[in-house]
Protein backbone atom coordinates (compact mmCIF):
# COMPACT_ATOMS: atom_id res chain seq x y z
CA MET A 1 63.18 85.10 97.67
CA LYS A 2 64.24 86.46 94.27
CA ASN A 3 64.18 90.02 95.57
CA LYS A 4 66.47 89.10 98.45
CA ALA A 5 68.93 87.38 96.11
CA ALA A 6 68.83 90.36 93.75
CA MET A 7 69.44 92.75 96.65
CA ILE A 8 72.44 90.72 97.85
CA HIS A 9 73.80 90.60 94.31
CA LYS A 10 73.39 94.38 93.94
CA GLU A 11 75.16 95.06 97.25
CA ALA A 12 78.03 92.78 96.25
CA GLU A 13 78.30 94.56 92.90
CA GLU A 14 78.42 97.95 94.65
CA LYS A 15 81.14 96.77 97.03
CA ARG A 16 83.10 95.35 94.11
CA ALA A 17 82.83 98.70 92.31
CA MET A 18 84.02 100.56 95.41
CA VAL A 19 87.06 98.30 95.76
CA GLU A 20 87.83 98.71 92.06
CA ALA A 21 87.63 102.52 92.36
CA LYS A 22 89.88 102.57 95.41
CA LYS A 23 92.39 100.33 93.65
CA GLY A 24 92.42 102.71 90.68
CA GLU A 25 93.00 105.71 92.94
CA GLU A 26 95.91 103.98 94.67
CA LEU A 27 97.45 103.05 91.33
CA LEU A 28 97.12 106.63 90.10
CA LYS A 29 98.73 107.95 93.28
CA ALA A 30 101.64 105.52 92.90
CA GLU A 31 102.13 106.54 89.26
CA GLU A 32 102.15 110.22 90.23
CA MET A 33 104.75 109.59 92.93
CA ALA A 34 106.90 107.59 90.50
CA ALA A 35 106.70 110.40 87.93
CA LYS A 36 107.70 112.91 90.60
CA TYR A 37 110.76 110.87 91.60
CA ARG A 38 111.73 110.33 87.96
CA ALA A 39 111.44 114.05 87.22
CA THR A 40 113.60 115.07 90.18
CA GLY A 41 116.10 112.25 89.71
CA HIS A 42 115.91 111.22 93.37
CA SER A 43 114.85 107.93 94.84
CA PRO A 44 112.65 107.56 97.91
CA LYS A 45 114.57 107.60 101.18
CA LYS A 46 112.76 104.61 102.61
CA VAL A 47 111.88 101.96 100.06
CA MET A 48 111.67 98.99 102.40
CA GLY A 49 112.04 99.10 106.14
CA CYS A 50 113.73 95.71 106.37
CA PHE A 51 116.55 96.77 104.01
CA GLY A 52 117.50 99.87 105.96
CA ALA A 53 120.54 101.66 104.64
């Protein structure tokens, strides 16, 4: 029974780590895009679809 609980805990920890890594990658990508827009002085064409201009 302890082995099964430990295995479930390990799997949950691995999934949590994967989500954390993906979140970090997305944050890094967003920061790179923001830096690119700041460097060029332009803003994104489509910020939000519901506020179309």
